[in-house]
C-alpha atoms as a PDB file:
ATOM      1  CA  MET A   1       0.016  -0.104  -0.132  1.00  0.00           C
ATOM      2  CA  LYS A   2       2.773   2.384   0.900  1.00  0.00           C
ATOM      3  CA  LYS A   3       4.520   1.666  -2.435  1.00  0.00           C
ATOM      4  CA  SER A   4       1.286   2.425  -4.364  1.00  0.00           C
ATOM      5  CA  ILE A   5       0.819   5.635  -2.556  1.00  0.00           C
ATOM      6  CA  SER A   6       4.510   6.787  -3.131  1.00  0.00           C
ATOM      7  CA  PHE A   7       4.145   5.814  -6.919  1.00  0.00           C
ATOM      8  CA  SER A   8       1.044   7.906  -7.057  1.00  0.00           C
ATOM      9  CA  CYS A   9       2.627  10.833  -5.401  1.00  0.00           C
ATOM     10  CA  ARG A  10       5.558  10.634  -7.862  1.00  0.00           C
ATOM     11  CA  VAL A  11       3.096  10.644 -10.743  1.00  0.00           C
ATOM     12  CA  VAL A  12       1.237  13.551  -9.546  1.00  0.00           C
ATOM     13  CA  LEU A  13       4.633  15.546  -8.815  1.00  0.00           C
ATOM     14  CA  THR A  14       5.826  14.669 -12.251  1.00  0.00           C
ATOM     15  CA  LEU A  15       2.773  15.897 -13.891  1.00  0.00           C
ATOM     16  CA  ALA A  16       2.868  19.199 -11.854  1.00  0.00           C
ATOM     17  CA  VAL A  17       6.381  19.825 -12.901  1.00  0.00           C
ATOM     18  CA  LEU A  18       5.641  19.254 -16.464  1.00  0.00           C
ATOM     19  CA  CYS A  19       2.573  21.448 -16.374  1.00  0.00           C
ATOM     20  CA  ALA A  20       4.670  24.073 -14.785  1.00  0.00           C
ATOM     21  CA  LEU A  21       7.480  23.862 -17.440  1.00  0.00           C
ATOM     22  CA  ALA A  22       5.129  23.842 -20.345  1.00  0.00           C
ATOM     23  CA  PRO A  23       4.513  27.584 -20.472  1.00  0.00           C
ATOM     24  CA  VAL A  24       8.214  28.328 -20.026  1.00  0.00           C
ATOM     25  CA  ALA A  25       9.092  26.047 -22.945  1.00  0.00           C
ATOM     26  CA  ALA A  26       6.253  27.518 -25.148  1.00  0.00           C
ATOM     27  CA  ALA A  27       7.632  31.025 -24.324  1.00  0.00           C
ATOM     28  CA  ALA A  28      11.162  30.144 -25.130  1.00  0.00           C
ATOM     29  CA  GLU A  29      10.220  29.178 -28.586  1.00  0.00           C
ATOM     30  CA  LYS A  30       9.387  32.607 -29.507  1.00  0.00           C
ATOM     31  CA  TRP A  31      13.059  33.810 -29.177  1.00  0.00           C
ATOM     32  CA  VAL A  32      16.425  32.268 -28.902  1.00  0.00           C
ATOM     33  CA  VAL A  33      19.225  32.620 -26.189  1.00  0.00           C
ATOM     34  CA  TYR A  34      22.890  32.037 -26.648  1.00  0.00           C
ATOM     35  CA  ASP A  35      24.715  31.385 -23.344  1.00  0.00           C
ATOM     36  CA  GLY A  36      28.070  33.156 -23.291  1.00  0.00           C
ATOM     37  CA  LYS A  37      31.270  31.057 -23.182  1.00  0.00           C
ATOM     38  CA  ASP A  38      34.439  32.350 -21.816  1.00  0.00           C
ATOM     39  CA  GLY A  39      35.407  35.962 -22.748  1.00  0.00           C
ATOM     40  CA  PRO A  40      35.395  39.659 -21.533  1.00  0.00           C
ATOM     41  CA  GLY A  41      31.573  39.941 -21.872  1.00  0.00           C
ATOM     42  CA  LYS A  42      30.856  37.050 -19.313  1.00  0.00           C
ATOM     43  CA  GLY A  43      28.239  38.262 -17.081  1.00  0.00           C
ATOM     44  CA  LYS A  44      26.852  40.969 -19.580  1.00  0.00           C
ATOM     45  CA  GLN A  45      23.392  40.404 -21.155  1.00  0.00           C
ATOM     46  CA  VAL A  46      22.707  41.704 -24.733  1.00  0.00           C
ATOM     47  CA  VAL A  47      19.271  41.821 -26.174  1.00  0.00           C
ATOM     48  CA  LEU A  48      19.057  41.926 -30.068  1.00  0.00           C
ATOM     49  CA  ILE A  49      15.753  43.001 -31.443  1.00  0.00           C
ATOM     50  CA  SER A  50      14.960  42.121 -35.092  1.00  0.00           C
ATOM     51  CA  GLY A  51      11.962  43.027 -37.146  1.00  0.00           C
ATOM     52  CA  ASP A  52      12.179  44.540 -40.587  1.00  0.00           C
ATOM     53  CA  GLU A  53      10.582  43.470 -44.045  1.00  0.00           C
ATOM     54  CA  GLU A  54      13.748  43.970 -46.228  1.00  0.00           C
ATOM     55  CA  TYR A  55      17.304  43.676 -44.747  1.00  0.00           C
ATOM     56  CA  ARG A  56      16.845  40.164 -43.079  1.00  0.00           C
ATOM     57  CA  SER A  57      17.527  41.268 -39.453  1.00  0.00           C
ATOM     58  CA  GLU A  58      15.843  37.908 -38.702  1.00  0.00           C
ATOM     59  CA  GLU A  59      18.944  36.234 -40.084  1.00  0.00           C
ATOM     60  CA  GLY A  60      21.788  38.773 -39.377  1.00  0.00           C
ATOM     61  CA  LEU A  61      21.058  39.331 -35.688  1.00  0.00           C
ATOM     62  CA  PRO A  62      21.186  35.642 -34.844  1.00  0.00           C
ATOM     63  CA  GLN A  63      24.531  35.505 -36.379  1.00  0.00           C
ATOM     64  CA  LEU A  64      25.796  38.596 -34.536  1.00  0.00           C
ATOM     65  CA  GLY A  65      24.360  37.092 -31.241  1.00  0.00           C
ATOM     66  CA  LYS A  66      26.334  33.947 -31.846  1.00  0.00           C
ATOM     67  CA  ILE A  67      29.602  35.839 -32.443  1.00  0.00           C
ATOM     68  CA  LEU A  68      29.124  37.854 -29.299  1.00  0.00           C
ATOM     69  CA  ALA A  69      28.203  34.709 -27.157  1.00  0.00           C
ATOM     70  CA  GLU A  70      30.704  32.224 -28.805  1.00  0.00           C
ATOM     71  CA  ARG A  71      33.610  34.509 -29.212  1.00  0.00           C
ATOM     72  CA  HIS A  72      33.340  37.068 -26.503  1.00  0.00           C
ATOM     73  CA  GLY A  73      31.234  35.597 -23.678  1.00  0.00           C
ATOM     74  CA  PHE A  74      28.101  37.785 -23.663  1.00  0.00           C
ATOM     75  CA  ARG A  75      24.803  36.276 -23.045  1.00  0.00           C
ATOM     76  CA  CYS A  76      22.551  37.026 -26.024  1.00  0.00           C
ATOM     77  CA  THR A  77      18.887  36.977 -26.514  1.00  0.00           C
ATOM     78  CA  VAL A  78      17.601  37.508 -30.109  1.00  0.00           C
ATOM     79  CA  LEU A  79      13.974  38.632 -30.488  1.00  0.00           C
ATOM     80  CA  PHE A  80      11.847  38.541 -33.549  1.00  0.00           C
ATOM     81  CA  ALA A  81       8.661  39.527 -35.225  1.00  0.00           C
ATOM     82  CA  ILE A  82       6.382  36.419 -34.579  1.00  0.00           C
ATOM     83  CA  ASP A  83       3.265  35.544 -36.369  1.00  0.00           C
ATOM     84  CA  PRO A  84       0.700  34.803 -33.613  1.00  0.00           C
ATOM     85  CA  LYS A  85      -1.067  32.398 -35.812  1.00  0.00           C
ATOM     86  CA  ASP A  86       1.601  29.905 -36.086  1.00  0.00           C
ATOM     87  CA  GLY A  87       4.619  31.077 -34.061  1.00  0.00           C
ATOM     88  CA  THR A  88       6.879  31.514 -37.046  1.00  0.00           C
ATOM     89  CA  ILE A  89       9.038  34.440 -37.820  1.00  0.00           C
ATOM     90  CA  ASN A  90       7.220  36.897 -39.964  1.00  0.00           C
ATOM     91  CA  PRO A  91       8.981  40.240 -40.691  1.00  0.00           C
ATOM     92  CA  ASN A  92       5.700  41.553 -42.008  1.00  0.00           C
ATOM     93  CA  GLU A  93       4.062  41.305 -38.657  1.00  0.00           C
ATOM     94  CA  SER A  94       4.660  44.728 -37.396  1.00  0.00           C
ATOM     95  CA  HIS A  95       2.729  44.547 -34.072  1.00  0.00           C
ATOM     96  CA  ASN A  96       4.258  41.723 -32.160  1.00  0.00           C
ATOM     97  CA  ILE A  97       7.874  41.165 -30.907  1.00  0.00           C
ATOM     98  CA  PRO A  98       7.622  38.714 -27.961  1.00  0.00           C
ATOM     99  CA  GLY A  99      10.135  38.714 -25.121  1.00  0.00           C
ATOM    100  CA  LEU A 100      10.898  42.420 -24.900  1.00  0.00           C
ATOM    101  CA  GLU A 101      10.818  41.970 -21.091  1.00  0.00           C
ATOM    102  CA  ALA A 102      14.383  40.656 -21.496  1.00  0.00           C
ATOM    103  CA  LEU A 103      15.411  44.439 -21.729  1.00  0.00           C
ATOM    104  CA  ASP A 104      14.525  44.894 -17.991  1.00  0.00           C
ATOM    105  CA  SER A 105      17.737  43.249 -17.015  1.00  0.00           C
ATOM    106  CA  ALA A 106      19.863  43.863 -20.126  1.00  0.00           C
ATOM    107  CA  ASP A 107      23.216  45.665 -20.241  1.00  0.00           C
ATOM    108  CA  LEU A 108      22.961  46.372 -24.040  1.00  0.00           C
ATOM    109  CA  MET A 109      20.191  46.705 -26.599  1.00  0.00           C
ATOM    110  CA  ILE A 110      20.949  46.233 -30.361  1.00  0.00           C
ATOM    111  CA  ILE A 111      18.150  47.014 -32.540  1.00  0.00           C
ATOM    112  CA  LEU A 112      17.345  46.639 -36.148  1.00  0.00           C
ATOM    113  CA  THR A 113      13.663  47.171 -36.730  1.00  0.00           C
ATOM    114  CA  ARG A 114      11.579  48.993 -39.378  1.00  0.00           C
ATOM    115  CA  PHE A 115       8.382  50.903 -38.931  1.00  0.00           C
ATOM    116  CA  ARG A 116       7.074  48.768 -36.177  1.00  0.00           C
ATOM    117  CA  ASP A 117       3.743  49.634 -34.465  1.00  0.00           C
ATOM    118  CA  LEU A 118       4.036  47.624 -31.230  1.00  0.00           C
ATOM    119  CA  PRO A 119       1.453  47.537 -28.563  1.00  0.00           C
ATOM    120  CA  ASP A 120       2.058  49.488 -25.420  1.00  0.00           C
ATOM    121  CA  ASP A 121       2.780  46.511 -23.257  1.00  0.00           C
ATOM    122  CA  GLN A 122       5.798  45.651 -25.506  1.00  0.00           C
ATOM    123  CA  MET A 123       6.856  49.077 -26.454  1.00  0.00           C
ATOM    124  CA  LYS A 124       7.194  50.100 -22.748  1.00  0.00           C
ATOM    125  CA  HIS A 125      10.092  47.721 -22.154  1.00  0.00           C
ATOM    126  CA  ILE A 126      12.063  49.388 -25.131  1.00  0.00           C
ATOM    127  CA  VAL A 127      11.192  53.039 -23.849  1.00  0.00           C
ATOM    128  CA  ASP A 128      11.977  52.118 -20.183  1.00  0.00           C
ATOM    129  CA  TYR A 129      15.318  50.706 -21.281  1.00  0.00           C
ATOM    130  CA  VAL A 130      16.287  53.684 -23.405  1.00  0.00           C
ATOM    131  CA  GLU A 131      15.215  56.235 -20.869  1.00  0.00           C
ATOM    132  CA  SER A 132      17.074  54.346 -18.130  1.00  0.00           C
ATOM    133  CA  GLY A 133      20.255  55.601 -19.821  1.00  0.00           C
ATOM    134  CA  ARG A 134      21.693  52.275 -20.730  1.00  0.00           C
ATOM    135  CA  PRO A 135      23.740  51.757 -23.983  1.00  0.00           C
ATOM    136  CA  VAL A 136      22.208  51.424 -27.399  1.00  0.00           C
ATOM    137  CA  ILE A 137      23.326  50.233 -30.926  1.00  0.00           C
ATOM    138  CA  GLY A 138      21.119  50.935 -33.785  1.00  0.00           C
ATOM    139  CA  LEU A 139      21.703  49.237 -37.156  1.00  0.00           C
ATOM    140  CA  ARG A 140      20.355  50.144 -40.671  1.00  0.00           C
ATOM    141  CA  THR A 141      16.576  50.893 -40.473  1.00  0.00           C
ATOM    142  CA  ALA A 142      16.721  51.599 -36.657  1.00  0.00           C
ATOM    143  CA  THR A 143      16.801  55.245 -37.865  1.00  0.00           C
ATOM    144  CA  HIS A 144      13.075  54.679 -38.543  1.00  0.00           C
ATOM    145  CA  ALA A 145      12.565  51.782 -36.262  1.00  0.00           C
ATOM    146  CA  PHE A 146       8.918  52.607 -35.219  1.00  0.00           C
ATOM    147  CA  ASN A 147       5.739  53.859 -36.874  1.00  0.00           C
ATOM    148  CA  ILE A 148       3.384  54.334 -34.148  1.00  0.00           C
ATOM    149  CA  GLY A 149       0.371  56.564 -35.189  1.00  0.00           C
ATOM    150  CA  GLY A 150      -2.330  58.672 -33.668  1.00  0.00           C
ATOM    151  CA  ASP A 151      -2.499  59.400 -29.803  1.00  0.00           C
ATOM    152  CA  LYS A 152      -0.740  56.191 -28.706  1.00  0.00           C
ATOM    153  CA  THR A 153       1.382  56.272 -25.556  1.00  0.00           C
ATOM    154  CA  TYR A 154       4.726  56.114 -27.413  1.00  0.00           C
ATOM    155  CA  ALA A 155       3.844  58.110 -30.569  1.00  0.00           C
ATOM    156  CA  ASN A 156       6.893  60.313 -29.748  1.00  0.00           C
ATOM    157  CA  TYR A 157       9.087  57.267 -30.645  1.00  0.00           C
ATOM    158  CA  SER A 158       7.478  57.093 -34.105  1.00  0.00           C
ATOM    159  CA  TRP A 159       9.672  58.173 -37.110  1.00  0.00           C
ATOM    160  CA  SER A 160       6.800  60.649 -38.311  1.00  0.00           C
ATOM    161  CA  GLY A 161       3.726  62.210 -37.040  1.00  0.00           C
ATOM    162  CA  PRO A 162       2.644  65.420 -35.064  1.00  0.00           C
ATOM    163  CA  LYS A 163       4.414  64.044 -31.809  1.00  0.00           C
ATOM    164  CA  ALA A 164       7.498  62.473 -33.452  1.00  0.00           C
ATOM    165  CA  GLU A 165      10.014  65.089 -34.261  1.00  0.00           C
ATOM    166  CA  GLY A 166      12.171  62.337 -35.808  1.00  0.00           C
ATOM    167  CA  GLY A 167      11.191  59.791 -33.143  1.00  0.00           C
ATOM    168  CA  PHE A 168      13.627  57.202 -31.823  1.00  0.00           C
ATOM    169  CA  GLY A 169      15.952  57.579 -34.735  1.00  0.00           C
ATOM    170  CA  ARG A 170      16.596  61.346 -34.365  1.00  0.00           C
ATOM    171  CA  LYS A 171      15.976  61.443 -30.544  1.00  0.00           C
ATOM    172  CA  VAL A 172      18.325  58.585 -29.595  1.00  0.00           C
ATOM    173  CA  LEU A 173      20.410  57.682 -32.564  1.00  0.00           C
ATOM    174  CA  GLY A 174      20.821  61.046 -34.001  1.00  0.00           C
ATOM    175  CA  GLU A 175      18.994  60.761 -37.323  1.00  0.00           C
ATOM    176  CA  THR A 176      15.686  59.489 -38.834  1.00  0.00           C
ATOM    177  CA  TRP A 177      14.929  58.140 -42.161  1.00  0.00           C
ATOM    178  CA  ILE A 178      15.192  60.852 -45.029  1.00  0.00           C
ATOM    179  CA  ASN A 179      16.182  59.007 -48.346  1.00  0.00           C
ATOM    180  CA  HIS A 180      18.503  56.656 -50.234  1.00  0.00           C
ATOM    181  CA  TRP A 181      21.772  58.388 -51.056  1.00  0.00           C
ATOM    182  CA  GLY A 182      23.070  55.625 -53.220  1.00  0.00           C
ATOM    183  CA  HIS A 183      20.994  53.744 -55.786  1.00  0.00           C
ATOM    184  CA  HIS A 184      19.126  50.969 -53.890  1.00  0.00           C
ATOM    185  CA  GLY A 185      20.019  47.597 -55.059  1.00  0.00           C
ATOM    186  CA  SER A 186      22.467  48.607 -57.735  1.00  0.00           C
ATOM    187  CA  GLN A 187      25.007  50.614 -55.811  1.00  0.00           C
ATOM    188  CA  SER A 188      27.083  49.321 -52.634  1.00  0.00           C
ATOM    189  CA  THR A 189      28.902  51.064 -49.917  1.00  0.00           C
ATOM    190  CA  LEU A 190      32.607  51.216 -49.184  1.00  0.00           C
ATOM    191  CA  GLY A 191      33.235  52.410 -45.491  1.00  0.00           C
ATOM    192  CA  ILE A 192      35.939  55.247 -45.397  1.00  0.00           C
ATOM    193  CA  PHE A 193      37.413  56.268 -41.965  1.00  0.00           C
ATOM    194  CA  ALA A 194      36.167  59.763 -41.267  1.00  0.00           C
ATOM    195  CA  PRO A 195      38.909  62.272 -40.876  1.00  0.00           C
ATOM    196  CA  GLY A 196      40.670  61.889 -37.331  1.00  0.00           C
ATOM    197  CA  ALA A 197      38.532  58.769 -36.474  1.00  0.00           C
ATOM    198  CA  ASP A 198      41.263  56.304 -37.257  1.00  0.00           C
ATOM    199  CA  ARG A 199      42.257  56.121 -33.591  1.00  0.00           C
ATOM    200  CA  ASN A 200      38.914  55.496 -32.230  1.00  0.00           C
ATOM    201  CA  PRO A 201      38.680  52.186 -30.341  1.00  0.00           C
ATOM    202  CA  ILE A 202      35.672  51.178 -32.318  1.00  0.00           C
ATOM    203  CA  LEU A 203      37.845  51.034 -35.652  1.00  0.00           C
ATOM    204  CA  LYS A 204      40.758  49.251 -33.956  1.00  0.00           C
ATOM    205  CA  GLY A 205      42.135  46.461 -35.951  1.00  0.00           C
ATOM    206  CA  ILE A 206      40.094  47.321 -38.947  1.00  0.00           C
ATOM    207  CA  ALA A 207      42.175  47.763 -42.104  1.00  0.00           C
ATOM    208  CA  PRO A 208      41.151  50.959 -44.163  1.00  0.00           C
ATOM    209  CA  GLY A 209      38.748  49.895 -46.942  1.00  0.00           C
ATOM    210  CA  SER A 210      37.771  46.658 -45.382  1.00  0.00           C
ATOM    211  CA  ILE A 211      34.252  47.775 -44.279  1.00  0.00           C
ATOM    212  CA  TRP A 212      31.894  47.006 -47.251  1.00  0.00           C
ATOM    213  CA  GLY A 213      28.333  46.113 -47.735  1.00  0.00           C
ATOM    214  CA  PRO A 214      25.969  45.685 -50.655  1.00  0.00           C
ATOM    215  CA  THR A 215      23.388  47.907 -49.115  1.00  0.00           C
ATOM    216  CA  ASP A 216      23.297  51.541 -50.275  1.00  0.00           C
ATOM    217  CA  VAL A 217      24.193  54.567 -48.379  1.00  0.00           C
ATOM    218  CA  TYR A 218      21.307  56.310 -46.638  1.00  0.00           C
ATOM    219  CA  GLU A 219      21.031  60.231 -46.676  1.00  0.00           C
ATOM    220  CA  VAL A 220      21.690  61.500 -43.064  1.00  0.00           C
ATOM    221  CA  HIS A 221      22.354  64.834 -41.549  1.00  0.00           C
ATOM    222  CA  ILE A 222      23.780  64.028 -38.097  1.00  0.00           C
ATOM    223  CA  PRO A 223      23.808  66.855 -35.507  1.00  0.00           C
ATOM    224  CA  ALA A 224      26.959  68.365 -33.992  1.00  0.00           C
ATOM    225  CA  ASP A 225      26.822  66.102 -30.994  1.00  0.00           C
ATOM    226  CA  CYS A 226      27.527  63.056 -33.142  1.00  0.00           C
ATOM    227  CA  LYS A 227      31.053  62.022 -33.926  1.00  0.00           C
ATOM    228  CA  PRO A 228      31.334  60.426 -37.563  1.00  0.00           C
ATOM    229  CA  LEU A 229      33.468  57.250 -37.569  1.00  0.00           C
ATOM    230  CA  VAL A 230      32.900  56.058 -41.073  1.00  0.00           C
ATOM    231  CA  LEU A 231      31.891  57.627 -44.342  1.00  0.00           C
ATOM    232  CA  GLY A 232      30.130  55.828 -47.012  1.00  0.00           C
ATOM    233  CA  GLU A 233      31.737  55.842 -50.493  1.00  0.00           C
ATOM    234  CA  VAL A 234      29.050  54.965 -53.029  1.00  0.00           C
ATOM    235  CA  LEU A 235      30.399  52.431 -55.574  1.00  0.00           C
ATOM    236  CA  GLU A 236      29.143  52.075 -59.214  1.00  0.00           C
ATOM    237  CA  GLY A 237      28.134  48.252 -58.482  1.00  0.00           C
ATOM    238  CA  MET A 238      27.673  45.653 -56.075  1.00  0.00           C
ATOM    239  CA  LYS A 239      31.177  44.464 -55.670  1.00  0.00           C
ATOM    240  CA  PRO A 240      33.815  45.848 -53.343  1.00  0.00           C
ATOM    241  CA  THR A 241      36.172  46.382 -56.170  1.00  0.00           C
ATOM    242  CA  ASP A 242      33.774  48.348 -58.214  1.00  0.00           C
ATOM    243  CA  LYS A 243      34.655  51.935 -59.084  1.00  0.00           C
ATOM    244  CA  ARG A 244      33.734  55.016 -56.945  1.00  0.00           C
ATOM    245  CA  ALA A 245      30.527  56.757 -58.332  1.00  0.00           C
ATOM    246  CA  THR A 246      30.817  60.044 -59.717  1.00  0.00           C
ATOM    247  CA  GLY A 247      28.667  62.992 -59.096  1.00  0.00           C
ATOM    248  CA  LYS A 248      27.020  64.311 -56.040  1.00  0.00           C
ATOM    249  CA  GLN A 249      26.571  60.983 -54.252  1.00  0.00           C
ATOM    250  CA  ASN A 250      30.193  61.294 -53.056  1.00  0.00           C
ATOM    251  CA  GLU A 251      30.261  65.137 -52.818  1.00  0.00           C
ATOM    252  CA  PRO A 252      30.130  64.828 -49.936  1.00  0.00           C
ATOM    253  CA  MET A 253      30.362  61.380 -48.633  1.00  0.00           C
ATOM    254  CA  LEU A 254      27.837  60.926 -45.827  1.00  0.00           C
ATOM    255  CA  PRO A 255      28.457  59.180 -42.473  1.00  0.00           C
ATOM    256  CA  VAL A 256      27.424  55.427 -42.276  1.00  0.00           C
ATOM    257  CA  ALA A 257      28.656  55.060 -38.630  1.00  0.00           C
ATOM    258  CA  TRP A 258      28.832  57.485 -35.725  1.00  0.00           C
ATOM    259  CA  THR A 259      28.830  57.757 -31.974  1.00  0.00           C
ATOM    260  CA  ARG A 260      26.839  60.029 -29.710  1.00  0.00           C
ATOM    261  CA  GLU A 261      25.527  60.236 -25.928  1.00  0.00           C
ATOM    262  CA  TYR A 262      21.902  60.203 -24.985  1.00  0.00           C
ATOM    263  CA  LYS A 263      20.627  61.496 -21.683  1.00  0.00           C
ATOM    264  CA  GLY A 264      17.628  59.332 -20.593  1.00  0.00           C
ATOM    265  CA  ALA A 265      14.510  60.679 -18.555  1.00  0.00           C
ATOM    266  CA  ALA A 266      16.117  59.000 -15.527  1.00  0.00           C
ATOM    267  CA  GLY A 267      19.046  61.460 -15.924  1.00  0.00           C
ATOM    268  CA  LYS A 268      21.591  58.897 -16.627  1.00  0.00           C
ATOM    269  CA  THR A 269      23.753  59.427 -19.901  1.00  0.00           C
ATOM    270  CA  ALA A 270      24.285  56.356 -22.169  1.00  0.00           C
ATOM    271  CA  ARG A 271      26.877  55.805 -24.967  1.00  0.00           C
ATOM    272  CA  VAL A 272      25.218  55.262 -28.429  1.00  0.00           C
ATOM    273  CA  PHE A 273      26.500  53.776 -31.649  1.00  0.00           C
ATOM    274  CA  ALA A 274      24.478  54.003 -34.821  1.00  0.00           C
ATOM    275  CA  THR A 275      25.180  52.690 -38.370  1.00  0.00           C
ATOM    276  CA  THR A 276      23.137  52.704 -41.525  1.00  0.00           C
ATOM    277  CA  MET A 277      24.890  49.538 -42.438  1.00  0.00           C
ATOM    278  CA  GLY A 278      24.092  46.120 -40.925  1.00  0.00           C
ATOM    279  CA  ALA A 279      21.932  44.265 -43.180  1.00  0.00           C
ATOM    280  CA  ALA A 280      22.256  40.499 -42.981  1.00  0.00           C
ATOM    281  CA  THR A 281      24.289  40.454 -46.177  1.00  0.00           C
ATOM    282  CA  ASP A 282      26.590  43.264 -44.882  1.00  0.00           C
ATOM    283  CA  LEU A 283      27.640  40.894 -42.198  1.00  0.00           C
ATOM    284  CA  GLU A 284      29.529  38.859 -44.558  1.00  0.00           C
ATOM    285  CA  SER A 285      32.007  41.680 -44.389  1.00  0.00           C
ATOM    286  CA  GLU A 286      34.663  40.921 -41.741  1.00  0.00           C
ATOM    287  CA  GLY A 287      35.542  44.614 -41.383  1.00  0.00           C
ATOM    288  CA  LEU A 288      31.839  45.522 -40.656  1.00  0.00           C
ATOM    289  CA  ARG A 289      31.554  42.648 -38.166  1.00  0.00           C
ATOM    290  CA  ARG A 290      34.627  43.910 -36.306  1.00  0.00           C
ATOM    291  CA  MET A 291      33.275  47.385 -36.228  1.00  0.00           C
ATOM    292  CA  LEU A 292      29.976  46.088 -34.622  1.00  0.00           C
ATOM    293  CA  VAL A 293      31.626  43.750 -32.019  1.00  0.00           C
ATOM    294  CA  ASN A 294      34.129  46.613 -31.109  1.00  0.00           C
ATOM    295  CA  ALA A 295      31.133  49.055 -30.768  1.00  0.00           C
ATOM    296  CA  CYS A 296      29.449  46.647 -28.253  1.00  0.00           C
ATOM    297  CA  TYR A 297      32.614  46.840 -26.018  1.00  0.00           C
ATOM    298  CA  TRP A 298      32.725  50.716 -26.560  1.00  0.00           C
ATOM    299  CA  VAL A 299      29.151  51.414 -25.650  1.00  0.00           C
ATOM    300  CA  LEU A 300      29.471  49.094 -22.325  1.00  0.00           C
ATOM    301  CA  GLY A 301      32.692  51.176 -21.523  1.00  0.00           C
ATOM    302  CA  MET A 302      34.799  48.164 -22.084  1.00  0.00           C
ATOM    303  CA  GLU A 303      36.980  49.711 -24.771  1.00  0.00           C
ATOM    304  CA  ASP A 304      40.171  48.526 -22.836  1.00  0.00           C
ATOM    305  CA  LYS A 305      39.123  44.870 -23.841  1.00  0.00           C
ATOM    306  CA  ILE A 306      39.239  45.600 -27.676  1.00  0.00           C
ATOM    307  CA  GLY A 307      42.054  43.615 -29.105  1.00  0.00           C
ATOM    308  CA  ASP A 308      44.220  44.407 -32.069  1.00  0.00           C
ATOM    309  CA  LYS A 309      42.267  41.664 -33.913  1.00  0.00           C
ATOM    310  CA  THR A 310      39.099  41.004 -32.338  1.00  0.00           C
ATOM    311  CA  ASN A 311      37.698  37.419 -33.242  1.00  0.00           C
ATOM    312  CA  VAL A 312      34.821  38.081 -35.292  1.00  0.00           C
ATOM    313  CA  ASP A 313      34.782  34.721 -37.287  1.00  0.00           C
ATOM    314  CA  LEU A 314      31.337  33.714 -38.279  1.00  0.00           C
ATOM    315  CA  VAL A 315      29.726  30.938 -36.293  1.00  0.00           C
ATOM    316  CA  GLY A 316      28.457  27.862 -38.113  1.00  0.00           C
ATOM    317  CA  ASN A 317      27.141  28.117 -41.738  1.00  0.00           C
ATOM    318  CA  TYR A 318      26.028  31.575 -42.643  1.00  0.00           C
ATOM    319  CA  HIS A 319      24.477  32.218 -46.102  1.00  0.00           C
ATOM    320  CA  PRO A 320      22.214  35.180 -45.736  1.00  0.00           C
ATOM    321  CA  THR A 321      19.336  35.850 -47.991  1.00  0.00           C
ATOM    322  CA  LYS A 322      19.619  38.826 -50.327  1.00  0.00           C
ATOM    323  CA  PHE A 323      17.829  41.828 -48.975  1.00  0.00           C
ATOM    324  CA  GLY A 324      14.448  42.892 -50.658  1.00  0.00           C
ATOM    325  CA  GLY A 325      10.925  43.345 -49.653  1.00  0.00           C
ATOM    326  CA  GLY A 326       8.901  40.200 -49.172  1.00  0.00           C
ATOM    327  CA  GLY A 327      12.044  37.958 -49.546  1.00  0.00           C
ATOM    328  CA  TYR A 328      12.131  36.349 -46.156  1.00  0.00           C
ATOM    329  CA  ILE A 329      12.229  32.518 -45.752  1.00  0.00           C
ATOM    330  CA  LYS A 330       8.710  31.413 -44.544  1.00  0.00           C
ATOM    331  CA  GLY A 331       8.158  28.687 -41.878  1.00  0.00           C
ATOM    332  CA  VAL A 332      11.250  29.650 -39.785  1.00  0.00           C
ATOM    333  CA  LYS A 333      10.863  29.384 -36.052  1.00  0.00           C
ATOM    334  CA  PRO A 334      13.283  30.889 -33.410  1.00  0.00           C
ATOM    335  CA  ALA A 335      14.417  27.407 -32.464  1.00  0.00           C
ATOM    336  CA  ASP A 336      15.702  26.969 -35.850  1.00  0.00           C
ATOM    337  CA  HIS A 337      18.506  29.553 -35.120  1.00  0.00           C
ATOM    338  CA  GLU A 338      19.715  27.743 -31.966  1.00  0.00           C
ATOM    339  CA  MET A 339      23.435  26.921 -31.819  1.00  0.00           C
ATOM    340  CA  LYS A 340      24.021  23.722 -33.464  1.00  0.00           C
END
């Protein structure tokens, strides 16, 4: 009789544990976490937020997260635009990025979103993070990260609208969306060090001319409190060996990477790094990857940990999808990006 009762208790306890764990497992499938290995970033938490319809942030940010975790020790959580109907990654779903509560305990936010209109309960985590004065890295379309209309609570973070004044892009990063400077899809970008920027720790170990990407230069007019690091030389074609474009596109060359500081509502000042490069295909450039990894160290105040040749080797197979509207791979779930 005692054995029977003991067995029954074990069954009940097992079922209770499984029921308790089920919501956790289900939630975890909406994002991916890379536990940091050994490295200077050990103990630091990075949250990478993807969600754009064109530049395949849903492919690029998992690779960047893997590099930061595997090569540098950071614990990285990558978030995605999730289709609530089937749990797949859907960049066209502009109203849902689960897991943003991870920002509450994050040390660094890296964001590459485009025209997101998130509900207040999700948006609050982003705004609270930014206004707390913790560091921010914005990639490519983060200049126009949000499109929040009407009288919504966080309409001032929208890239346009009566309350916006440039929104998150101009307010935090230093610039919002204006226009393409190079010809989209037919002219690429070669990164040239801005005058006097060659000794900046973010550019440490990067050979001049090694930052390149197939995405085009954006038109930006950054304010005086921004420090240009890299200027975008518009190339005639889509290869790093193509000739420099002639005409006004390179007169002047516009910044494609810069730093600034942002003082949050809490009164604390954060370091900010922004670049209009950073599409998934741009990450095939070793020079660009090194700039992004170095920038993580810099915004966290860890520039003394930047080596002469930071390890930015790709992790696993990386064959990013060409950028373009509607070109994302359907049916992919966050678990598909787990470390193999």
